[in-house]
Amino acid sequence: MKILRFQLGQLQANTYFLINEDKCLIIDPADEAPFILEELQRRKLKLIGMLSTHGHFDHVMAAGEIQLSFKVPLYINKKDQFLLDRLQETAEYFLGFKPTILSIKKIVPSTAGSRLGGKNFEYQIILTPGHTPGSVSYYFPKDKIVFTGDTLFKGAIGRYDFSYCNKEDLKKSLALLLKLPGETKVLTGHGEETSIKEEKENLSKFLKIL
């Protein structure tokens, strides 16, 4: 599996292309839909789905526009539906202007456990609430990679000061990620990649502070 990372939008959220043969999964269609569509076309990729780590606007803004060209669902935990419902107003508040956001037409709930992508992709959904109620991480055991969204960063963890955040849930989620093999590569919602081994000491500190 080949992975491409693009830092998109004003908040530079990471959008990932997961590529196997000519098939592509997108994790967190953050922003700049025209750029994403151009990349798919230029690389002659067939988009088969979009996976969302959580419902914050800076990670899903491009989904609706992408769906105009590809009739694929956005997979997201239903507990973050309320964030999709207020997508426009939240984006305006944080960005300071009124962006054009097309509504997301097809939404499929992400649930805990395994979801198989046929011969192209195989991954597990790990529920990692705290930053948002519906935050999830996508774990690809064969590739030893986990996509953590805004739950875990390189040397940092997701914020938990919004009204809907839950510090205790975040603590449990971090402890859960800590159980993954140390060599597991961590691809985050913002910033650079890290690994479970690299973050073990940091996570231990955060777990004591939370």
Protein backbone atom coordinates (compact mmCIF):
# COMPACT_ATOMS: atom_id res chain seq x y z
CA MET A 1 0.00 0.00 0.00
CA LYS A 2 1.31 3.41 -0.97
CA ILE A 3 0.45 6.45 1.16
CA LEU A 4 0.50 10.08 0.07
CA ARG A 5 0.07 12.96 2.52
CA PHE A 6 -1.22 16.41 1.62
CA GLN A 7 -1.48 19.31 4.09
CA LEU A 8 -4.60 21.18 3.04
CA GLY A 9 -6.66 24.18 4.05
CA GLN A 10 -5.97 27.14 6.28
CA LEU A 11 -5.39 24.83 9.26
CA GLN A 12 -3.08 22.53 7.29
CA ALA A 13 -4.93 19.33 8.13
CA ASN A 14 -3.45 16.12 6.77
CA THR A 15 -5.33 14.37 3.99
CA TYR A 16 -4.08 10.90 3.13
CA PHE A 17 -4.37 8.93 -0.10
CA LEU A 18 -4.09 5.19 0.49
CA ILE A 19 -3.31 3.58 -2.84
CA ASN A 20 -3.35 -0.07 -3.84
CA GLU A 21 -3.08 -0.72 -7.58
CA ASP A 22 -5.50 1.84 -9.07
CA LYS A 23 -7.80 1.96 -6.04
CA CYS A 24 -7.70 4.80 -3.52
CA LEU A 25 -9.09 5.40 -0.04
CA ILE A 26 -8.97 8.94 1.33
CA ILE A 27 -8.57 9.51 5.04
CA ASP A 28 -9.82 12.94 6.15
CA PRO A 29 -10.82 14.86 2.98
CA ALA A 30 -9.80 18.09 4.67
CA ASP A 31 -10.18 20.92 2.16
CA GLU A 32 -9.26 22.02 -1.36
CA ALA A 33 -11.53 19.56 -3.18
CA PRO A 34 -10.38 20.74 -6.66
CA PHE A 35 -6.80 19.84 -5.75
CA ILE A 36 -7.84 16.42 -4.44
CA LEU A 37 -9.90 15.69 -7.57
CA GLU A 38 -7.07 16.81 -9.82
CA GLU A 39 -4.64 14.50 -8.01
CA LEU A 40 -7.02 11.56 -8.37
CA GLN A 41 -7.40 12.24 -12.08
CA ARG A 42 -3.70 12.90 -12.68
CA ARG A 43 -2.73 9.65 -10.97
CA LYS A 44 -5.60 7.75 -12.65
CA LEU A 45 -6.99 6.56 -9.34
CA LYS A 46 -10.43 5.15 -8.63
CA LEU A 47 -11.75 6.52 -5.34
CA ILE A 48 -13.62 3.80 -3.43
CA GLY A 49 -14.35 5.63 -0.17
CA MET A 50 -13.51 8.36 2.33
CA LEU A 51 -12.73 7.64 5.98
CA SER A 52 -13.08 10.34 8.60
CA THR A 53 -11.20 10.25 11.89
CA HIS A 54 -13.63 12.78 13.38
CA GLY A 55 -16.16 15.43 12.42
CA HIS A 56 -14.25 18.70 12.78
CA PHE A 57 -14.71 20.94 9.76
CA ASP A 58 -11.03 21.11 8.85
CA HIS A 59 -10.99 17.34 8.27
CA VAL A 60 -14.16 16.92 6.17
CA MET A 61 -14.74 20.17 4.25
CA ALA A 62 -13.94 18.67 0.85
CA ALA A 63 -16.14 15.58 1.19
CA GLY A 64 -19.35 17.01 -0.28
CA GLU A 65 -17.65 18.45 -3.35
CA ILE A 66 -15.72 15.23 -3.96
CA GLN A 67 -19.01 13.33 -3.91
CA LEU A 68 -20.16 15.33 -6.94
CA SER A 69 -17.52 13.48 -8.97
CA PHE A 70 -17.31 10.18 -7.09
CA LYS A 71 -20.45 8.56 -5.65
CA VAL A 72 -18.64 7.26 -2.58
CA PRO A 73 -19.63 7.46 1.07
CA LEU A 74 -17.96 9.27 3.92
CA TYR A 75 -17.45 6.85 6.80
CA ILE A 76 -17.71 8.59 10.16
CA ASN A 77 -18.78 7.67 13.67
CA LYS A 78 -22.41 8.67 14.15
CA LYS A 79 -21.53 10.34 17.47
CA ASP A 80 -19.90 13.12 15.44
CA GLN A 81 -22.95 13.73 13.27
CA PHE A 82 -23.71 16.87 15.29
CA LEU A 83 -20.40 18.34 14.09
CA LEU A 84 -21.36 17.71 10.47
CA ASP A 85 -24.72 19.38 11.13
CA ARG A 86 -22.96 22.59 12.23
CA LEU A 87 -20.12 22.37 9.68
CA GLN A 88 -20.77 25.69 7.96
CA GLU A 89 -21.15 27.84 11.06
CA THR A 90 -18.13 26.27 12.77
CA ALA A 91 -15.94 26.82 9.71
CA GLU A 92 -17.01 30.46 9.51
CA TYR A 93 -16.23 30.99 13.19
CA PHE A 94 -12.72 29.53 13.10
CA LEU A 95 -11.68 30.67 9.63
CA GLY A 96 -13.04 34.21 9.86
CA PHE A 97 -14.79 34.07 6.49
CA LYS A 98 -17.66 32.20 4.84
CA PRO A 99 -16.28 29.24 2.89
CA THR A 100 -18.31 27.35 0.32
CA ILE A 101 -19.02 23.92 1.77
CA LEU A 102 -21.23 21.50 -0.15
CA SER A 103 -23.37 19.19 1.94
CA ILE A 104 -22.18 15.63 2.40
CA LYS A 105 -24.72 13.39 0.69
CA LYS A 106 -23.86 9.85 1.67
CA ILE A 107 -22.72 9.13 5.22
CA VAL A 108 -22.06 5.65 6.60
CA PRO A 109 -21.49 5.09 10.35
CA SER A 110 -18.07 3.80 11.44
CA THR A 111 -18.24 1.21 14.20
CA ALA A 112 -15.65 -0.59 16.27
CA GLY A 113 -14.01 -3.73 14.97
CA SER A 114 -12.81 -4.82 11.54
CA ARG A 115 -13.90 -3.54 8.18
CA LEU A 116 -12.45 -5.27 5.16
CA GLY A 117 -11.74 -3.44 1.93
CA GLY A 118 -11.57 -6.57 -0.20
CA LYS A 119 -8.18 -7.47 -1.62
CA ASN A 120 -7.11 -3.82 -1.70
CA PHE A 121 -7.37 -2.69 1.93
CA GLU A 122 -7.86 -4.29 5.31
CA TYR A 123 -8.14 -2.21 8.45
CA GLN A 124 -9.62 -2.09 11.92
CA ILE A 125 -11.60 0.74 13.43
CA ILE A 126 -10.53 1.63 16.96
CA LEU A 127 -12.90 3.89 18.89
CA THR A 128 -10.78 6.68 20.38
CA PRO A 129 -13.21 9.29 21.79
CA GLY A 130 -12.18 12.27 23.87
CA HIS A 131 -11.20 14.98 21.41
CA THR A 132 -14.68 14.49 19.97
CA PRO A 133 -17.31 11.94 21.03
CA GLY A 134 -16.96 10.06 17.74
CA SER A 135 -13.21 10.14 17.17
CA VAL A 136 -11.84 6.93 15.70
CA SER A 137 -8.43 5.64 14.63
CA TYR A 138 -7.87 3.44 11.59
CA TYR A 139 -5.39 0.66 12.19
CA PHE A 140 -3.80 -1.26 9.30
CA PRO A 141 -2.10 -4.19 11.06
CA LYS A 142 -0.44 -5.65 7.94
CA ASP A 143 1.16 -2.29 7.18
CA LYS A 144 1.82 -1.48 10.85
CA ILE A 145 0.18 1.95 10.51
CA VAL A 146 -2.47 3.76 12.52
CA PHE A 147 -4.22 6.99 11.54
CA THR A 148 -5.08 8.83 14.76
CA GLY A 149 -6.67 12.07 13.55
CA ASP A 150 -6.49 14.67 16.32
CA THR A 151 -6.27 12.17 19.18
CA LEU A 152 -2.51 11.74 19.11
CA PHE A 153 0.18 13.90 17.47
CA LYS A 154 3.96 13.85 17.43
CA GLY A 155 4.77 14.92 20.98
CA ALA A 156 1.25 16.12 21.70
CA ILE A 157 -2.36 15.04 22.19
CA GLY A 158 -5.69 16.43 20.99
CA ARG A 159 -7.28 19.32 22.81
CA TYR A 160 -10.07 18.52 25.23
CA ASP A 161 -11.40 21.95 26.20
CA PHE A 162 -14.49 22.06 23.98
CA SER A 163 -17.82 21.53 25.72
CA TYR A 164 -18.30 18.13 24.05
CA CYS A 165 -14.78 16.84 24.80
CA ASN A 166 -14.20 14.26 27.50
CA LYS A 167 -10.87 14.15 29.29
CA GLU A 168 -11.44 10.71 30.80
CA ASP A 169 -12.39 9.25 27.43
CA LEU A 170 -9.25 10.77 25.88
CA LYS A 171 -7.14 9.22 28.63
CA LYS A 172 -8.62 5.78 27.91
CA SER A 173 -8.15 6.27 24.16
CA LEU A 174 -4.48 7.13 24.57
CA ALA A 175 -3.98 4.09 26.79
CA LEU A 176 -5.63 1.97 24.10
CA LEU A 177 -3.31 3.30 21.39
CA LEU A 178 -0.37 2.63 23.67
CA LYS A 179 -1.18 -1.09 23.47
CA LEU A 180 -0.41 -1.18 19.74
CA PRO A 181 2.98 -2.63 18.73
CA GLY A 182 5.82 -0.15 19.27
CA GLU A 183 6.86 -0.23 15.62
CA THR A 184 3.40 0.98 14.54
CA LYS A 185 3.75 4.17 12.52
CA VAL A 186 1.39 6.94 13.64
CA LEU A 187 -0.02 9.19 10.91
CA THR A 188 -1.68 12.17 12.53
CA GLY A 189 -4.36 14.73 11.70
CA HIS A 190 -1.85 17.60 11.70
CA GLY A 191 1.93 17.69 11.57
CA GLU A 192 4.49 14.99 11.00
CA GLU A 193 4.34 11.25 11.52
CA THR A 194 5.65 9.47 14.58
CA SER A 195 5.43 5.98 16.07
CA ILE A 196 3.93 4.31 19.12
CA LYS A 197 7.45 3.59 20.36
CA GLU A 198 8.46 7.26 20.02
CA GLU A 199 5.33 8.44 21.79
CA LYS A 200 5.39 5.90 24.60
CA GLU A 201 7.23 8.19 27.03
CA ASN A 202 5.11 11.20 26.03
CA LEU A 203 1.91 9.20 26.40
CA SER A 204 2.91 8.01 29.85
CA LYS A 205 3.38 11.65 30.91
CA PHE A 206 0.06 12.73 29.41
CA LEU A 207 -1.77 9.87 31.10
CA LYS A 208 -0.45 11.03 34.48
CA ILE A 209 -1.43 14.66 33.81
CA LEU A 210 -4.94 14.03 32.48
